[in-house]
Amino acid sequence: KDRLHYVDDYQDLYTTSETLDIELFQIPSFGLFAAMAHRDNKPGSAIYRWNHGHFQLYQNISTFKAQAWKQFTIGRK
């Protein structure tokens, strides 16, 4: 995998599987989140929440060989 040498590291997130995609999204009044698509099934793909200057694991979602995430909006929510 190629590294972006012009980008400074801020935080390393160690995951249980290779991460194939990251989708950042904001939920008003709740904060910034990062959804990570993990290749392996167990424990699934992870959602991280930005908290006090870094991402913390927020939730695992069951997935099967996830490759990408896409955010969407339902109505005004």
N, C-alpha and C. Protein backbone atom coordinates (compact mmCIF):
# COMPACT_ATOMS: atom_id res chain seq x y z
N LYS A 1 0.84 -1.18 0.00
CA LYS A 1 0.00 0.00 0.00
C LYS A 1 0.89 1.25 0.00
N ASP A 2 0.46 2.25 -0.76
CA ASP A 2 1.19 3.51 -0.81
C ASP A 2 0.81 4.38 0.38
N ARG A 3 1.80 5.09 0.87
CA ARG A 3 1.55 6.06 1.95
C ARG A 3 1.55 7.45 1.36
N LEU A 4 0.79 8.33 1.95
CA LEU A 4 0.77 9.73 1.56
C LEU A 4 1.84 10.45 2.36
N HIS A 5 3.04 10.56 1.80
CA HIS A 5 4.18 11.10 2.55
C HIS A 5 4.06 12.59 2.83
N TYR A 6 3.13 13.26 2.19
CA TYR A 6 2.93 14.69 2.42
C TYR A 6 1.90 14.95 3.51
N VAL A 7 1.39 13.89 4.14
CA VAL A 7 0.41 14.01 5.22
C VAL A 7 1.08 13.60 6.53
N ASP A 8 0.92 14.41 7.57
CA ASP A 8 1.47 14.08 8.89
C ASP A 8 0.52 13.15 9.63
N ASP A 9 1.09 12.15 10.31
CA ASP A 9 0.28 11.26 11.15
C ASP A 9 -0.23 12.04 12.35
N TYR A 10 -1.49 11.82 12.69
CA TYR A 10 -2.08 12.44 13.87
C TYR A 10 -2.46 11.38 14.89
N GLN A 11 -3.07 10.29 14.40
CA GLN A 11 -3.51 9.21 15.28
C GLN A 11 -3.46 7.90 14.50
N ASP A 12 -2.95 6.85 15.13
CA ASP A 12 -2.99 5.51 14.55
C ASP A 12 -4.19 4.78 15.12
N LEU A 13 -5.02 4.22 14.25
CA LEU A 13 -6.15 3.40 14.68
C LEU A 13 -5.83 1.95 14.33
N TYR A 14 -5.72 1.12 15.34
CA TYR A 14 -5.43 -0.29 15.12
C TYR A 14 -6.74 -1.05 15.04
N THR A 15 -6.96 -1.72 13.93
CA THR A 15 -8.22 -2.43 13.70
C THR A 15 -7.97 -3.93 13.67
N THR A 16 -9.05 -4.69 13.74
CA THR A 16 -8.95 -6.15 13.77
C THR A 16 -8.81 -6.74 12.37
N SER A 17 -8.91 -5.91 11.35
CA SER A 17 -8.87 -6.38 9.97
C SER A 17 -8.39 -5.25 9.07
N GLU A 18 -8.00 -5.60 7.85
CA GLU A 18 -7.61 -4.58 6.88
C GLU A 18 -8.79 -3.65 6.61
N THR A 19 -8.54 -2.36 6.65
CA THR A 19 -9.58 -1.37 6.38
C THR A 19 -9.52 -0.98 4.91
N LEU A 20 -10.62 -1.19 4.19
CA LEU A 20 -10.66 -0.94 2.76
C LEU A 20 -11.24 0.42 2.41
N ASP A 21 -11.99 1.04 3.32
CA ASP A 21 -12.59 2.34 3.04
C ASP A 21 -12.92 3.04 4.35
N ILE A 22 -12.89 4.35 4.31
CA ILE A 22 -13.29 5.17 5.46
C ILE A 22 -14.26 6.23 4.96
N GLU A 23 -15.35 6.40 5.68
CA GLU A 23 -16.34 7.44 5.35
C GLU A 23 -16.52 8.31 6.59
N LEU A 24 -16.22 9.59 6.48
CA LEU A 24 -16.42 10.53 7.57
C LEU A 24 -17.80 11.16 7.42
N PHE A 25 -18.49 11.32 8.55
CA PHE A 25 -19.80 11.96 8.51
C PHE A 25 -20.07 12.65 9.83
N GLN A 26 -20.93 13.65 9.79
CA GLN A 26 -21.28 14.43 10.97
C GLN A 26 -22.76 14.23 11.27
N ILE A 27 -23.07 14.02 12.55
CA ILE A 27 -24.46 13.98 13.00
C ILE A 27 -24.64 15.19 13.91
N PRO A 28 -25.50 16.14 13.49
CA PRO A 28 -25.70 17.35 14.30
C PRO A 28 -26.03 17.00 15.75
N SER A 29 -25.42 17.70 16.66
CA SER A 29 -25.59 17.54 18.11
C SER A 29 -24.94 16.27 18.66
N PHE A 30 -24.37 15.42 17.79
CA PHE A 30 -23.70 14.20 18.27
C PHE A 30 -22.22 14.19 17.93
N GLY A 31 -21.82 14.81 16.83
CA GLY A 31 -20.41 14.91 16.53
C GLY A 31 -19.97 14.29 15.22
N LEU A 32 -18.65 14.15 15.09
CA LEU A 32 -18.00 13.62 13.90
C LEU A 32 -17.74 12.13 14.08
N PHE A 33 -18.02 11.35 13.03
CA PHE A 33 -17.84 9.91 13.07
C PHE A 33 -17.03 9.45 11.86
N ALA A 34 -16.38 8.30 12.00
CA ALA A 34 -15.66 7.67 10.89
C ALA A 34 -16.12 6.21 10.82
N ALA A 35 -16.69 5.84 9.69
CA ALA A 35 -17.10 4.44 9.47
C ALA A 35 -16.00 3.76 8.67
N MET A 36 -15.52 2.61 9.15
CA MET A 36 -14.43 1.89 8.50
C MET A 36 -14.93 0.55 7.99
N ALA A 37 -14.73 0.30 6.71
CA ALA A 37 -15.13 -0.97 6.10
C ALA A 37 -13.99 -1.97 6.28
N HIS A 38 -14.22 -2.99 7.10
CA HIS A 38 -13.21 -4.01 7.38
C HIS A 38 -13.45 -5.26 6.54
N ARG A 39 -12.37 -5.82 6.05
CA ARG A 39 -12.45 -6.99 5.18
C ARG A 39 -12.99 -8.22 5.93
N ASP A 40 -12.50 -8.48 7.13
CA ASP A 40 -12.93 -9.68 7.87
C ASP A 40 -14.31 -9.49 8.49
N ASN A 41 -14.97 -10.61 8.75
CA ASN A 41 -16.34 -10.60 9.27
C ASN A 41 -16.42 -10.34 10.77
N LYS A 42 -15.48 -10.82 11.52
CA LYS A 42 -15.54 -10.71 12.98
C LYS A 42 -14.54 -9.68 13.45
N PRO A 43 -14.89 -8.70 14.24
CA PRO A 43 -16.22 -8.44 14.77
C PRO A 43 -17.09 -7.60 13.84
N GLY A 44 -16.70 -7.44 12.60
CA GLY A 44 -17.45 -6.61 11.66
C GLY A 44 -16.70 -5.32 11.38
N SER A 45 -17.41 -4.31 10.94
CA SER A 45 -16.81 -3.01 10.65
C SER A 45 -17.04 -2.06 11.82
N ALA A 46 -16.13 -1.11 11.96
CA ALA A 46 -16.15 -0.25 13.13
C ALA A 46 -16.60 1.16 12.80
N ILE A 47 -17.30 1.76 13.77
CA ILE A 47 -17.65 3.17 13.73
C ILE A 47 -16.88 3.83 14.87
N TYR A 48 -16.13 4.87 14.55
CA TYR A 48 -15.38 5.62 15.55
C TYR A 48 -16.01 7.00 15.70
N ARG A 49 -15.95 7.53 16.91
CA ARG A 49 -16.48 8.87 17.20
C ARG A 49 -15.35 9.77 17.66
N TRP A 50 -15.31 10.99 17.13
CA TRP A 50 -14.32 11.97 17.53
C TRP A 50 -14.65 12.47 18.93
N ASN A 51 -13.71 12.34 19.86
CA ASN A 51 -13.95 12.68 21.26
C ASN A 51 -12.67 13.23 21.87
N HIS A 52 -12.70 14.45 22.33
CA HIS A 52 -11.55 15.09 23.00
C HIS A 52 -10.27 15.00 22.17
N GLY A 53 -10.38 15.29 20.88
CA GLY A 53 -9.19 15.38 20.04
C GLY A 53 -8.70 14.10 19.40
N HIS A 54 -9.46 13.01 19.53
CA HIS A 54 -9.07 11.77 18.85
C HIS A 54 -10.30 10.87 18.64
N PHE A 55 -10.15 9.90 17.74
CA PHE A 55 -11.23 8.95 17.48
C PHE A 55 -11.21 7.83 18.50
N GLN A 56 -12.40 7.47 19.00
CA GLN A 56 -12.56 6.34 19.92
C GLN A 56 -13.59 5.39 19.32
N LEU A 57 -13.39 4.08 19.52
CA LEU A 57 -14.35 3.10 19.03
C LEU A 57 -15.72 3.40 19.63
N TYR A 58 -16.72 3.50 18.78
CA TYR A 58 -18.08 3.82 19.20
C TYR A 58 -18.99 2.62 19.07
N GLN A 59 -18.87 1.87 17.95
CA GLN A 59 -19.77 0.75 17.70
C GLN A 59 -19.18 -0.16 16.63
N ASN A 60 -19.43 -1.46 16.75
CA ASN A 60 -19.12 -2.42 15.69
C ASN A 60 -20.43 -2.81 15.00
N ILE A 61 -20.38 -2.91 13.68
CA ILE A 61 -21.55 -3.29 12.89
C ILE A 61 -21.22 -4.57 12.14
N SER A 62 -22.12 -5.55 12.19
CA SER A 62 -21.91 -6.81 11.48
C SER A 62 -21.87 -6.55 9.98
N THR A 63 -20.77 -6.97 9.35
CA THR A 63 -20.62 -6.85 7.90
C THR A 63 -19.99 -8.13 7.37
N PHE A 64 -20.11 -8.35 6.08
CA PHE A 64 -19.50 -9.50 5.43
C PHE A 64 -18.60 -8.99 4.31
N LYS A 65 -17.30 -9.00 4.56
CA LYS A 65 -16.30 -8.54 3.59
C LYS A 65 -16.63 -7.15 3.04
N ALA A 66 -16.86 -6.22 3.96
CA ALA A 66 -17.21 -4.85 3.57
C ALA A 66 -16.10 -4.22 2.74
N GLN A 67 -16.50 -3.45 1.75
CA GLN A 67 -15.52 -2.79 0.89
C GLN A 67 -15.66 -1.27 0.89
N ALA A 68 -16.83 -0.75 1.26
CA ALA A 68 -17.03 0.69 1.23
C ALA A 68 -18.21 1.09 2.10
N TRP A 69 -18.22 2.35 2.50
CA TRP A 69 -19.34 2.96 3.21
C TRP A 69 -19.76 4.19 2.43
N LYS A 70 -21.03 4.50 2.45
CA LYS A 70 -21.55 5.73 1.87
C LYS A 70 -22.60 6.29 2.81
N GLN A 71 -22.44 7.54 3.18
CA GLN A 71 -23.44 8.18 4.05
C GLN A 71 -24.65 8.57 3.22
N PHE A 72 -25.79 8.69 3.90
CA PHE A 72 -27.02 9.12 3.23
C PHE A 72 -27.88 9.87 4.23
N THR A 73 -28.84 10.59 3.72
CA THR A 73 -29.75 11.37 4.55
C THR A 73 -31.17 10.92 4.28
N ILE A 74 -31.95 10.76 5.34
CA ILE A 74 -33.37 10.43 5.22
C ILE A 74 -34.13 11.67 5.67
N GLY A 75 -34.83 12.30 4.74
CA GLY A 75 -35.54 13.54 5.07
C GLY A 75 -34.56 14.59 5.56
N ARG A 76 -34.85 15.15 6.70
CA ARG A 76 -33.96 16.16 7.28
C ARG A 76 -33.09 15.59 8.39
N LYS A 77 -33.09 14.29 8.53
CA LYS A 77 -32.33 13.65 9.60
C LYS A 77 -31.07 13.04 9.07
